[in-house]
Amino acid sequence: MLRSGRYTWWFGGIMACLMAALSLFVSISADAGLVSGRVNDAKGTFKPGGSFRVKDSSGKVVKESVKTDESKGYSLFLPPGIYTAEFSDGRSAAIQSHPEPIRQDIHLK
């Protein structure tokens, strides 16, 4: 049972923070789709833990450093559209985001 006074304010503050965090998560997930996959490299120069940046169709950088995991996997949230994944060695590949989650492997030549 909650007592009035400082406990009520404390509980109200906690609930307000939780609701704000939940609304932020819902707004991000409603506008962005999950894109995930693996980076495949024919030359063998792209190593696990490597990174790339993502540009939108106008050339603006929307994600500066997307890091891959130990199996060259990646995942990121992007608003629906067509993007370019750019790698430090000058290679690039197109990726597309949809409102629903999608798997897209990146094949570097």
PDB file of N, CA and C in Angstrom:
ATOM      1  N   MET A   1       0.845  -1.168   0.000  1.00  0.00           N
ATOM      2  CA  MET A   1       0.000   0.000   0.000  1.00  0.00           C
ATOM      3  C   MET A   1       0.893   1.235   0.000  1.00  0.00           C
ATOM      4  N   LEU A   2       0.572   2.171  -0.883  1.00  0.00           N
ATOM      5  CA  LEU A   2       1.348   3.399  -0.971  1.00  0.00           C
ATOM      6  C   LEU A   2       0.810   4.435  -0.009  1.00  0.00           C
ATOM      7  N   ARG A   3       1.728   5.104   0.644  1.00  0.00           N
ATOM      8  CA  ARG A   3       1.332   6.218   1.493  1.00  0.00           C
ATOM      9  C   ARG A   3       1.390   7.492   0.672  1.00  0.00           C
ATOM     10  N   SER A   4       0.561   8.422   1.018  1.00  0.00           N
ATOM     11  CA  SER A   4       0.590   9.690   0.300  1.00  0.00           C
ATOM     12  C   SER A   4       1.852  10.451   0.662  1.00  0.00           C
ATOM     13  N   GLY A   5       2.181  11.425  -0.104  1.00  0.00           N
ATOM     14  CA  GLY A   5       3.373  12.222   0.154  1.00  0.00           C
ATOM     15  C   GLY A   5       4.473  11.866  -0.809  1.00  0.00           C
ATOM     16  N   ARG A   6       5.679  11.702  -0.274  1.00  0.00           N
ATOM     17  CA  ARG A   6       6.838  11.507  -1.136  1.00  0.00           C
ATOM     18  C   ARG A   6       6.796  10.177  -1.896  1.00  0.00           C
ATOM     19  N   TYR A   7       6.172   9.125  -1.341  1.00  0.00           N
ATOM     20  CA  TYR A   7       6.099   7.853  -2.047  1.00  0.00           C
ATOM     21  C   TYR A   7       5.213   7.959  -3.279  1.00  0.00           C
ATOM     22  N   THR A   8       4.140   8.706  -3.194  1.00  0.00           N
ATOM     23  CA  THR A   8       3.256   8.904  -4.331  1.00  0.00           C
ATOM     24  C   THR A   8       3.992   9.649  -5.436  1.00  0.00           C
ATOM     25  N   TRP A   9       4.755  10.674  -5.099  1.00  0.00           N
ATOM     26  CA  TRP A   9       5.526  11.409  -6.095  1.00  0.00           C
ATOM     27  C   TRP A   9       6.595  10.527  -6.720  1.00  0.00           C
ATOM     28  N   TRP A  10       7.235   9.704  -5.908  1.00  0.00           N
ATOM     29  CA  TRP A  10       8.283   8.812  -6.404  1.00  0.00           C
ATOM     30  C   TRP A  10       7.689   7.806  -7.391  1.00  0.00           C
ATOM     31  N   PHE A  11       6.586   7.193  -7.020  1.00  0.00           N
ATOM     32  CA  PHE A  11       5.930   6.213  -7.890  1.00  0.00           C
ATOM     33  C   PHE A  11       5.442   6.890  -9.172  1.00  0.00           C
ATOM     34  N   GLY A  12       4.874   8.069  -9.065  1.00  0.00           N
ATOM     35  CA  GLY A  12       4.412   8.813 -10.235  1.00  0.00           C
ATOM     36  C   GLY A  12       5.558   9.158 -11.174  1.00  0.00           C
ATOM     37  N   GLY A  13       6.694   9.515 -10.615  1.00  0.00           N
ATOM     38  CA  GLY A  13       7.876   9.829 -11.429  1.00  0.00           C
ATOM     39  C   GLY A  13       8.385   8.617 -12.181  1.00  0.00           C
ATOM     40  N   ILE A  14       8.414   7.474 -11.499  1.00  0.00           N
ATOM     41  CA  ILE A  14       8.842   6.222 -12.136  1.00  0.00           C
ATOM     42  C   ILE A  14       7.899   5.879 -13.284  1.00  0.00           C
ATOM     43  N   MET A  15       6.613   5.982 -13.050  1.00  0.00           N
ATOM     44  CA  MET A  15       5.629   5.648 -14.087  1.00  0.00           C
ATOM     45  C   MET A  15       5.741   6.612 -15.271  1.00  0.00           C
ATOM     46  N   ALA A  16       5.971   7.885 -15.022  1.00  0.00           N
ATOM     47  CA  ALA A  16       6.115   8.859 -16.101  1.00  0.00           C
ATOM     48  C   ALA A  16       7.335   8.537 -16.961  1.00  0.00           C
ATOM     49  N   CYS A  17       8.445   8.170 -16.324  1.00  0.00           N
ATOM     50  CA  CYS A  17       9.652   7.800 -17.070  1.00  0.00           C
ATOM     51  C   CYS A  17       9.421   6.554 -17.914  1.00  0.00           C
ATOM     52  N   LEU A  18       8.770   5.558 -17.363  1.00  0.00           N
ATOM     53  CA  LEU A  18       8.477   4.334 -18.108  1.00  0.00           C
ATOM     54  C   LEU A  18       7.576   4.610 -19.301  1.00  0.00           C
ATOM     55  N   MET A  19       6.579   5.437 -19.124  1.00  0.00           N
ATOM     56  CA  MET A  19       5.662   5.754 -20.220  1.00  0.00           C
ATOM     57  C   MET A  19       6.390   6.540 -21.314  1.00  0.00           C
ATOM     58  N   ALA A  20       7.267   7.454 -20.929  1.00  0.00           N
ATOM     59  CA  ALA A  20       8.030   8.222 -21.916  1.00  0.00           C
ATOM     60  C   ALA A  20       8.950   7.297 -22.717  1.00  0.00           C
ATOM     61  N   ALA A  21       9.620   6.373 -22.037  1.00  0.00           N
ATOM     62  CA  ALA A  21      10.496   5.426 -22.722  1.00  0.00           C
ATOM     63  C   ALA A  21       9.704   4.526 -23.663  1.00  0.00           C
ATOM     64  N   LEU A  22       8.543   4.069 -23.234  1.00  0.00           N
ATOM     65  CA  LEU A  22       7.705   3.212 -24.067  1.00  0.00           C
ATOM     66  C   LEU A  22       7.210   3.964 -25.298  1.00  0.00           C
ATOM     67  N   SER A  23       6.801   5.204 -25.136  1.00  0.00           N
ATOM     68  CA  SER A  23       6.315   5.971 -26.289  1.00  0.00           C
ATOM     69  C   SER A  23       7.443   6.240 -27.285  1.00  0.00           C
ATOM     70  N   LEU A  24       8.664   6.449 -26.808  1.00  0.00           N
ATOM     71  CA  LEU A  24       9.804   6.645 -27.692  1.00  0.00           C
ATOM     72  C   LEU A  24      10.070   5.378 -28.493  1.00  0.00           C
ATOM     73  N   PHE A  25      10.043   4.225 -27.839  1.00  0.00           N
ATOM     74  CA  PHE A  25      10.273   2.955 -28.517  1.00  0.00           C
ATOM     75  C   PHE A  25       9.205   2.699 -29.565  1.00  0.00           C
ATOM     76  N   VAL A  26       7.954   2.942 -29.237  1.00  0.00           N
ATOM     77  CA  VAL A  26       6.866   2.709 -30.171  1.00  0.00           C
ATOM     78  C   VAL A  26       6.990   3.632 -31.379  1.00  0.00           C
ATOM     79  N   SER A  27       7.360   4.885 -31.170  1.00  0.00           N
ATOM     80  CA  SER A  27       7.475   5.805 -32.299  1.00  0.00           C
ATOM     81  C   SER A  27       8.637   5.430 -33.207  1.00  0.00           C
ATOM     82  N   ILE A  28       9.734   4.950 -32.665  1.00  0.00           N
ATOM     83  CA  ILE A  28      10.866   4.526 -33.489  1.00  0.00           C
ATOM     84  C   ILE A  28      10.495   3.286 -34.279  1.00  0.00           C
ATOM     85  N   SER A  29       9.902   2.306 -33.640  1.00  0.00           N
ATOM     86  CA  SER A  29       9.608   1.069 -34.335  1.00  0.00           C
ATOM     87  C   SER A  29       8.494   1.233 -35.362  1.00  0.00           C
ATOM     88  N   ALA A  30       7.619   2.220 -35.208  1.00  0.00           N
ATOM     89  CA  ALA A  30       6.544   2.426 -36.169  1.00  0.00           C
ATOM     90  C   ALA A  30       7.067   3.068 -37.450  1.00  0.00           C
ATOM     91  N   ASP A  31       8.107   3.884 -37.366  1.00  0.00           N
ATOM     92  CA  ASP A  31       8.632   4.590 -38.521  1.00  0.00           C
ATOM     93  C   ASP A  31       9.782   3.868 -39.203  1.00  0.00           C
ATOM     94  N   ALA A  32      10.376   2.906 -38.560  1.00  0.00           N
ATOM     95  CA  ALA A  32      11.568   2.264 -39.097  1.00  0.00           C
ATOM     96  C   ALA A  32      11.391   0.759 -39.177  1.00  0.00           C
ATOM     97  N   GLY A  33      12.018   0.190 -40.188  1.00  0.00           N
ATOM     98  CA  GLY A  33      12.000  -1.262 -40.339  1.00  0.00           C
ATOM     99  C   GLY A  33      13.363  -1.832 -39.994  1.00  0.00           C
ATOM    100  N   LEU A  34      13.371  -3.048 -39.490  1.00  0.00           N
ATOM    101  CA  LEU A  34      14.621  -3.724 -39.154  1.00  0.00           C
ATOM    102  C   LEU A  34      15.200  -4.343 -40.416  1.00  0.00           C
ATOM    103  N   VAL A  35      16.448  -4.000 -40.705  1.00  0.00           N
ATOM    104  CA  VAL A  35      17.192  -4.597 -41.801  1.00  0.00           C
ATOM    105  C   VAL A  35      18.348  -5.354 -41.170  1.00  0.00           C
ATOM    106  N   SER A  36      18.492  -6.621 -41.518  1.00  0.00           N
ATOM    107  CA  SER A  36      19.594  -7.403 -40.961  1.00  0.00           C
ATOM    108  C   SER A  36      20.091  -8.381 -42.015  1.00  0.00           C
ATOM    109  N   GLY A  37      21.290  -8.856 -41.817  1.00  0.00           N
ATOM    110  CA  GLY A  37      21.884  -9.814 -42.746  1.00  0.00           C
ATOM    111  C   GLY A  37      23.350  -9.994 -42.446  1.00  0.00           C
ATOM    112  N   ARG A  38      24.066 -10.502 -43.442  1.00  0.00           N
ATOM    113  CA  ARG A  38      25.506 -10.730 -43.322  1.00  0.00           C
ATOM    114  C   ARG A  38      26.229 -10.022 -44.451  1.00  0.00           C
ATOM    115  N   VAL A  39      27.460  -9.661 -44.188  1.00  0.00           N
ATOM    116  CA  VAL A  39      28.310  -9.086 -45.215  1.00  0.00           C
ATOM    117  C   VAL A  39      29.163 -10.214 -45.785  1.00  0.00           C
ATOM    118  N   ASN A  40      28.976 -10.506 -47.067  1.00  0.00           N
ATOM    119  CA  ASN A  40      29.762 -11.529 -47.754  1.00  0.00           C
ATOM    120  C   ASN A  40      30.787 -10.834 -48.630  1.00  0.00           C
ATOM    121  N   ASP A  41      32.017 -11.316 -48.572  1.00  0.00           N
ATOM    122  CA  ASP A  41      33.129 -10.643 -49.231  1.00  0.00           C
ATOM    123  C   ASP A  41      33.886 -11.631 -50.107  1.00  0.00           C
ATOM    124  N   ALA A  42      33.822 -11.460 -51.430  1.00  0.00           N
ATOM    125  CA  ALA A  42      34.502 -12.358 -52.362  1.00  0.00           C
ATOM    126  C   ALA A  42      36.024 -12.279 -52.227  1.00  0.00           C
ATOM    127  N   LYS A  43      36.549 -11.096 -51.884  1.00  0.00           N
ATOM    128  CA  LYS A  43      38.005 -10.918 -51.744  1.00  0.00           C
ATOM    129  C   LYS A  43      38.529 -11.451 -50.425  1.00  0.00           C
ATOM    130  N   GLY A  44      37.666 -11.564 -49.424  1.00  0.00           N
ATOM    131  CA  GLY A  44      38.102 -12.028 -48.117  1.00  0.00           C
ATOM    132  C   GLY A  44      38.776 -10.963 -47.277  1.00  0.00           C
ATOM    133  N   THR A  45      38.640  -9.697 -47.665  1.00  0.00           N
ATOM    134  CA  THR A  45      39.298  -8.624 -46.913  1.00  0.00           C
ATOM    135  C   THR A  45      38.414  -8.044 -45.811  1.00  0.00           C
ATOM    136  N   PHE A  46      37.101  -8.246 -45.896  1.00  0.00           N
ATOM    137  CA  PHE A  46      36.214  -7.726 -44.853  1.00  0.00           C
ATOM    138  C   PHE A  46      36.197  -8.715 -43.691  1.00  0.00           C
ATOM    139  N   LYS A  47      36.601  -8.257 -42.539  1.00  0.00           N
ATOM    140  CA  LYS A  47      36.745  -9.116 -41.360  1.00  0.00           C
ATOM    141  C   LYS A  47      35.569  -8.951 -40.400  1.00  0.00           C
ATOM    142  N   PRO A  48      35.267  -9.975 -39.597  1.00  0.00           N
ATOM    143  CA  PRO A  48      34.242  -9.836 -38.554  1.00  0.00           C
ATOM    144  C   PRO A  48      34.573  -8.653 -37.654  1.00  0.00           C
ATOM    145  N   GLY A  49      33.554  -7.923 -37.233  1.00  0.00           N
ATOM    146  CA  GLY A  49      33.764  -6.749 -36.404  1.00  0.00           C
ATOM    147  C   GLY A  49      34.026  -5.496 -37.221  1.00  0.00           C
ATOM    148  N   GLY A  50      34.034  -5.638 -38.549  1.00  0.00           N
ATOM    149  CA  GLY A  50      34.222  -4.480 -39.422  1.00  0.00           C
ATOM    150  C   GLY A  50      32.988  -3.595 -39.401  1.00  0.00           C
ATOM    151  N   SER A  51      33.086  -2.449 -40.018  1.00  0.00           N
ATOM    152  CA  SER A  51      31.948  -1.539 -39.999  1.00  0.00           C
ATOM    153  C   SER A  51      31.762  -0.883 -41.359  1.00  0.00           C
ATOM    154  N   PHE A  52      30.606  -0.264 -41.521  1.00  0.00           N
ATOM    155  CA  PHE A  52      30.291   0.490 -42.725  1.00  0.00           C
ATOM    156  C   PHE A  52      29.348   1.610 -42.339  1.00  0.00           C
ATOM    157  N   ARG A  53      29.182   2.576 -43.245  1.00  0.00           N
ATOM    158  CA  ARG A  53      28.236   3.655 -42.998  1.00  0.00           C
ATOM    159  C   ARG A  53      27.114   3.562 -44.021  1.00  0.00           C
ATOM    160  N   VAL A  54      25.979   4.152 -43.653  1.00  0.00           N
ATOM    161  CA  VAL A  54      24.786   4.066 -44.494  1.00  0.00           C
ATOM    162  C   VAL A  54      24.379   5.468 -44.912  1.00  0.00           C
ATOM    163  N   LYS A  55      24.146   5.641 -46.237  1.00  0.00           N
ATOM    164  CA  LYS A  55      23.682   6.913 -46.782  1.00  0.00           C
ATOM    165  C   LYS A  55      22.306   6.728 -47.400  1.00  0.00           C
ATOM    166  N   ASP A  56      21.485   7.782 -47.308  1.00  0.00           N
ATOM    167  CA  ASP A  56      20.168   7.717 -47.941  1.00  0.00           C
ATOM    168  C   ASP A  56      20.297   8.071 -49.425  1.00  0.00           C
ATOM    169  N   SER A  57      19.176   8.115 -50.141  1.00  0.00           N
ATOM    170  CA  SER A  57      19.208   8.340 -51.590  1.00  0.00           C
ATOM    171  C   SER A  57      19.726   9.726 -51.978  1.00  0.00           C
ATOM    172  N   SER A  58      19.718  10.683 -51.056  1.00  0.00           N
ATOM    173  CA  SER A  58      20.257  12.015 -51.342  1.00  0.00           C
ATOM    174  C   SER A  58      21.748  12.131 -51.005  1.00  0.00           C
ATOM    175  N   GLY A  59      22.334  11.066 -50.482  1.00  0.00           N
ATOM    176  CA  GLY A  59      23.752  11.063 -50.131  1.00  0.00           C
ATOM    177  C   GLY A  59      24.063  11.457 -48.705  1.00  0.00           C
ATOM    178  N   LYS A  60      23.033  11.708 -47.903  1.00  0.00           N
ATOM    179  CA  LYS A  60      23.230  12.095 -46.499  1.00  0.00           C
ATOM    180  C   LYS A  60      23.519  10.844 -45.655  1.00  0.00           C
ATOM    181  N   VAL A  61      24.535  10.933 -44.803  1.00  0.00           N
ATOM    182  CA  VAL A  61      24.873   9.817 -43.912  1.00  0.00           C
ATOM    183  C   VAL A  61      23.793   9.711 -42.839  1.00  0.00           C
ATOM    184  N   VAL A  62      23.156   8.531 -42.736  1.00  0.00           N
ATOM    185  CA  VAL A  62      22.120   8.323 -41.730  1.00  0.00           C
ATOM    186  C   VAL A  62      22.598   7.419 -40.593  1.00  0.00           C
ATOM    187  N   LYS A  63      23.592   6.599 -40.839  1.00  0.00           N
ATOM    188  CA  LYS A  63      24.234   5.771 -39.805  1.00  0.00           C
ATOM    189  C   LYS A  63      25.728   5.817 -40.077  1.00  0.00           C
ATOM    190  N   GLU A  64      26.491   6.362 -39.138  1.00  0.00           N
ATOM    191  CA  GLU A  64      27.914   6.589 -39.359  1.00  0.00           C
ATOM    192  C   GLU A  64      28.741   5.305 -39.275  1.00  0.00           C
ATOM    193  N   SER A  65      28.480   4.474 -38.298  1.00  0.00           N
ATOM    194  CA  SER A  65      29.318   3.293 -38.102  1.00  0.00           C
ATOM    195  C   SER A  65      28.465   2.112 -37.667  1.00  0.00           C
ATOM    196  N   VAL A  66      28.108   1.273 -38.634  1.00  0.00           N
ATOM    197  CA  VAL A  66      27.356   0.050 -38.340  1.00  0.00           C
ATOM    198  C   VAL A  66      28.372  -1.068 -38.206  1.00  0.00           C
ATOM    199  N   LYS A  67      28.509  -1.598 -37.009  1.00  0.00           N
ATOM    200  CA  LYS A  67      29.499  -2.646 -36.757  1.00  0.00           C
ATOM    201  C   LYS A  67      28.877  -4.024 -36.976  1.00  0.00           C
ATOM    202  N   THR A  68      29.675  -4.923 -37.515  1.00  0.00           N
ATOM    203  CA  THR A  68      29.231  -6.300 -37.681  1.00  0.00           C
ATOM    204  C   THR A  68      29.677  -7.142 -36.489  1.00  0.00           C
ATOM    205  N   ASP A  69      28.991  -8.258 -36.297  1.00  0.00           N
ATOM    206  CA  ASP A  69      29.349  -9.146 -35.187  1.00  0.00           C
ATOM    207  C   ASP A  69      30.426 -10.141 -35.624  1.00  0.00           C
ATOM    208  N   GLU A  70      30.674 -11.144 -34.802  1.00  0.00           N
ATOM    209  CA  GLU A  70      31.748 -12.107 -35.066  1.00  0.00           C
ATOM    210  C   GLU A  70      31.496 -12.978 -36.294  1.00  0.00           C
ATOM    211  N   SER A  71      30.271 -12.999 -36.802  1.00  0.00           N
ATOM    212  CA  SER A  71      29.978 -13.773 -38.022  1.00  0.00           C
ATOM    213  C   SER A  71      29.635 -12.838 -39.188  1.00  0.00           C
ATOM    214  N   LYS A  72      30.092 -11.595 -39.120  1.00  0.00           N
ATOM    215  CA  LYS A  72      29.865 -10.560 -40.138  1.00  0.00           C
ATOM    216  C   LYS A  72      28.388 -10.199 -40.284  1.00  0.00           C
ATOM    217  N   GLY A  73      27.601 -10.417 -39.245  1.00  0.00           N
ATOM    218  CA  GLY A  73      26.185 -10.060 -39.258  1.00  0.00           C
ATOM    219  C   GLY A  73      25.976  -8.622 -38.810  1.00  0.00           C
ATOM    220  N   TYR A  74      24.916  -8.025 -39.303  1.00  0.00           N
ATOM    221  CA  TYR A  74      24.566  -6.659 -38.925  1.00  0.00           C
ATOM    222  C   TYR A  74      23.061  -6.556 -38.761  1.00  0.00           C
ATOM    223  N   SER A  75      22.610  -5.548 -38.053  1.00  0.00           N
ATOM    224  CA  SER A  75      21.185  -5.225 -37.969  1.00  0.00           C
ATOM    225  C   SER A  75      21.052  -3.757 -37.600  1.00  0.00           C
ATOM    226  N   LEU A  76      20.065  -3.099 -38.218  1.00  0.00           N
ATOM    227  CA  LEU A  76      19.820  -1.698 -37.953  1.00  0.00           C
ATOM    228  C   LEU A  76      18.391  -1.349 -38.326  1.00  0.00           C
ATOM    229  N   PHE A  77      17.900  -0.280 -37.728  1.00  0.00           N
ATOM    230  CA  PHE A  77      16.571   0.231 -38.022  1.00  0.00           C
ATOM    231  C   PHE A  77      16.709   1.414 -38.977  1.00  0.00           C
ATOM    232  N   LEU A  78      15.951   1.357 -40.075  1.00  0.00           N
ATOM    233  CA  LEU A  78      15.946   2.437 -41.055  1.00  0.00           C
ATOM    234  C   LEU A  78      14.518   2.712 -41.501  1.00  0.00           C
ATOM    235  N   PRO A  79      14.171   3.966 -41.726  1.00  0.00           N
ATOM    236  CA  PRO A  79      12.865   4.256 -42.325  1.00  0.00           C
ATOM    237  C   PRO A  79      12.798   3.605 -43.710  1.00  0.00           C
ATOM    238  N   PRO A  80      11.621   3.251 -44.181  1.00  0.00           N
ATOM    239  CA  PRO A  80      11.508   2.618 -45.498  1.00  0.00           C
ATOM    240  C   PRO A  80      12.183   3.457 -46.585  1.00  0.00           C
ATOM    241  N   GLY A  81      12.941   2.802 -47.445  1.00  0.00           N
ATOM    242  CA  GLY A  81      13.635   3.483 -48.531  1.00  0.00           C
ATOM    243  C   GLY A  81      14.813   2.674 -49.027  1.00  0.00           C
ATOM    244  N   ILE A  82      15.540   3.253 -49.982  1.00  0.00           N
ATOM    245  CA  ILE A  82      16.724   2.619 -50.551  1.00  0.00           C
ATOM    246  C   ILE A  82      17.947   3.366 -50.030  1.00  0.00           C
ATOM    247  N   TYR A  83      18.944   2.617 -49.578  1.00  0.00           N
ATOM    248  CA  TYR A  83      20.144   3.169 -48.966  1.00  0.00           C
ATOM    249  C   TYR A  83      21.391   2.559 -49.604  1.00  0.00           C
ATOM    250  N   THR A  84      22.527   3.193 -49.350  1.00  0.00           N
ATOM    251  CA  THR A  84      23.813   2.681 -49.802  1.00  0.00           C
ATOM    252  C   THR A  84      24.684   2.402 -48.595  1.00  0.00           C
ATOM    253  N   ALA A  85      25.207   1.185 -48.524  1.00  0.00           N
ATOM    254  CA  ALA A  85      26.174   0.818 -47.486  1.00  0.00           C
ATOM    255  C   ALA A  85      27.559   1.063 -48.075  1.00  0.00           C
ATOM    256  N   GLU A  86      28.332   1.936 -47.450  1.00  0.00           N
ATOM    257  CA  GLU A  86      29.666   2.282 -47.940  1.00  0.00           C
ATOM    258  C   GLU A  86      30.727   1.743 -46.991  1.00  0.00           C
ATOM    259  N   PHE A  87      31.731   1.114 -47.574  1.00  0.00           N
ATOM    260  CA  PHE A  87      32.814   0.514 -46.803  1.00  0.00           C
ATOM    261  C   PHE A  87      34.085   1.337 -46.979  1.00  0.00           C
ATOM    262  N   SER A  88      34.995   1.236 -46.026  1.00  0.00           N
ATOM    263  CA  SER A  88      36.192   2.079 -46.015  1.00  0.00           C
ATOM    264  C   SER A  88      37.105   1.840 -47.217  1.00  0.00           C
ATOM    265  N   ASP A  89      37.014   0.684 -47.853  1.00  0.00           N
ATOM    266  CA  ASP A  89      37.875   0.400 -49.007  1.00  0.00           C
ATOM    267  C   ASP A  89      37.267   0.879 -50.326  1.00  0.00           C
ATOM    268  N   GLY A  90      36.163   1.629 -50.256  1.00  0.00           N
ATOM    269  CA  GLY A  90      35.551   2.187 -51.456  1.00  0.00           C
ATOM    270  C   GLY A  90      34.432   1.356 -52.050  1.00  0.00           C
ATOM    271  N   ARG A  91      34.260   0.151 -51.590  1.00  0.00           N
ATOM    272  CA  ARG A  91      33.167  -0.678 -52.105  1.00  0.00           C
ATOM    273  C   ARG A  91      31.850  -0.244 -51.476  1.00  0.00           C
ATOM    274  N   SER A  92      30.758  -0.503 -52.184  1.00  0.00           N
ATOM    275  CA  SER A  92      29.438  -0.138 -51.666  1.00  0.00           C
ATOM    276  C   SER A  92      28.409  -1.133 -52.174  1.00  0.00           C
ATOM    277  N   ALA A  93      27.252  -1.125 -51.542  1.00  0.00           N
ATOM    278  CA  ALA A  93      26.146  -2.002 -51.927  1.00  0.00           C
ATOM    279  C   ALA A  93      24.841  -1.331 -51.542  1.00  0.00           C
ATOM    280  N   ALA A  94      23.798  -1.613 -52.297  1.00  0.00           N
ATOM    281  CA  ALA A  94      22.472  -1.061 -52.008  1.00  0.00           C
ATOM    282  C   ALA A  94      21.746  -1.954 -51.013  1.00  0.00           C
ATOM    283  N   ILE A  95      21.049  -1.342 -50.068  1.00  0.00           N
ATOM    284  CA  ILE A  95      20.156  -2.066 -49.166  1.00  0.00           C
ATOM    285  C   ILE A  95      18.821  -1.333 -49.155  1.00  0.00           C
ATOM    286  N   GLN A  96      17.769  -2.071 -48.899  1.00  0.00           N
ATOM    287  CA  GLN A  96      16.434  -1.480 -48.913  1.00  0.00           C
ATOM    288  C   GLN A  96      15.724  -1.812 -47.613  1.00  0.00           C
ATOM    289  N   SER A  97      15.058  -0.819 -47.050  1.00  0.00           N
ATOM    290  CA  SER A  97      14.304  -0.997 -45.813  1.00  0.00           C
ATOM    291  C   SER A  97      12.817  -0.957 -46.124  1.00  0.00           C
ATOM    292  N   HIS A  98      12.077  -1.784 -45.411  1.00  0.00           N
ATOM    293  CA  HIS A  98      10.625  -1.865 -45.532  1.00  0.00           C
ATOM    294  C   HIS A  98      10.020  -1.657 -44.150  1.00  0.00           C
ATOM    295  N   PRO A  99       8.718  -1.393 -44.055  1.00  0.00           N
ATOM    296  CA  PRO A  99       8.106  -1.236 -42.724  1.00  0.00           C
ATOM    297  C   PRO A  99       8.219  -2.499 -41.870  1.00  0.00           C
ATOM    298  N   GLU A 100       8.279  -3.668 -42.498  1.00  0.00           N
ATOM    299  CA  GLU A 100       8.419  -4.909 -41.747  1.00  0.00           C
ATOM    300  C   GLU A 100       9.882  -5.368 -41.781  1.00  0.00           C
ATOM    301  N   PRO A 101      10.295  -6.192 -40.840  1.00  0.00           N
ATOM    302  CA  PRO A 101      11.684  -6.673 -40.811  1.00  0.00           C
ATOM    303  C   PRO A 101      12.040  -7.415 -42.099  1.00  0.00           C
ATOM    304  N   ILE A 102      13.264  -7.230 -42.551  1.00  0.00           N
ATOM    305  CA  ILE A 102      13.726  -7.892 -43.768  1.00  0.00           C
ATOM    306  C   ILE A 102      15.181  -8.302 -43.596  1.00  0.00           C
ATOM    307  N   ARG A 103      15.525  -9.445 -44.191  1.00  0.00           N
ATOM    308  CA  ARG A 103      16.918  -9.904 -44.192  1.00  0.00           C
ATOM    309  C   ARG A 103      17.519  -9.569 -45.552  1.00  0.00           C
ATOM    310  N   GLN A 104      18.647  -8.858 -45.517  1.00  0.00           N
ATOM    311  CA  GLN A 104      19.360  -8.511 -46.738  1.00  0.00           C
ATOM    312  C   GLN A 104      20.851  -8.713 -46.521  1.00  0.00           C
ATOM    313  N   ASP A 105      21.379  -9.710 -47.189  1.00  0.00           N
ATOM    314  CA  ASP A 105      22.825  -9.904 -47.151  1.00  0.00           C
ATOM    315  C   ASP A 105      23.480  -8.911 -48.091  1.00  0.00           C
ATOM    316  N   ILE A 106      24.655  -8.458 -47.726  1.00  0.00           N
ATOM    317  CA  ILE A 106      25.436  -7.540 -48.556  1.00  0.00           C
ATOM    318  C   ILE A 106      26.541  -8.350 -49.203  1.00  0.00           C
ATOM    319  N   HIS A 107      26.581  -8.359 -50.524  1.00  0.00           N
ATOM    320  CA  HIS A 107      27.577  -9.122 -51.273  1.00  0.00           C
ATOM    321  C   HIS A 107      28.589  -8.141 -51.879  1.00  0.00           C
ATOM    322  N   LEU A 108      29.793  -8.139 -51.313  1.00  0.00           N
ATOM    323  CA  LEU A 108      30.855  -7.269 -51.817  1.00  0.00           C
ATOM    324  C   LEU A 108      31.695  -8.035 -52.847  1.00  0.00           C
ATOM    325  N   LYS A 109      32.090  -7.343 -53.907  1.00  0.00           N
ATOM    326  CA  LYS A 109      32.889  -7.978 -54.967  1.00  0.00           C
ATOM    327  C   LYS A 109      34.326  -7.535 -54.890  1.00  0.00           C
TER     328      LYS A 109
END
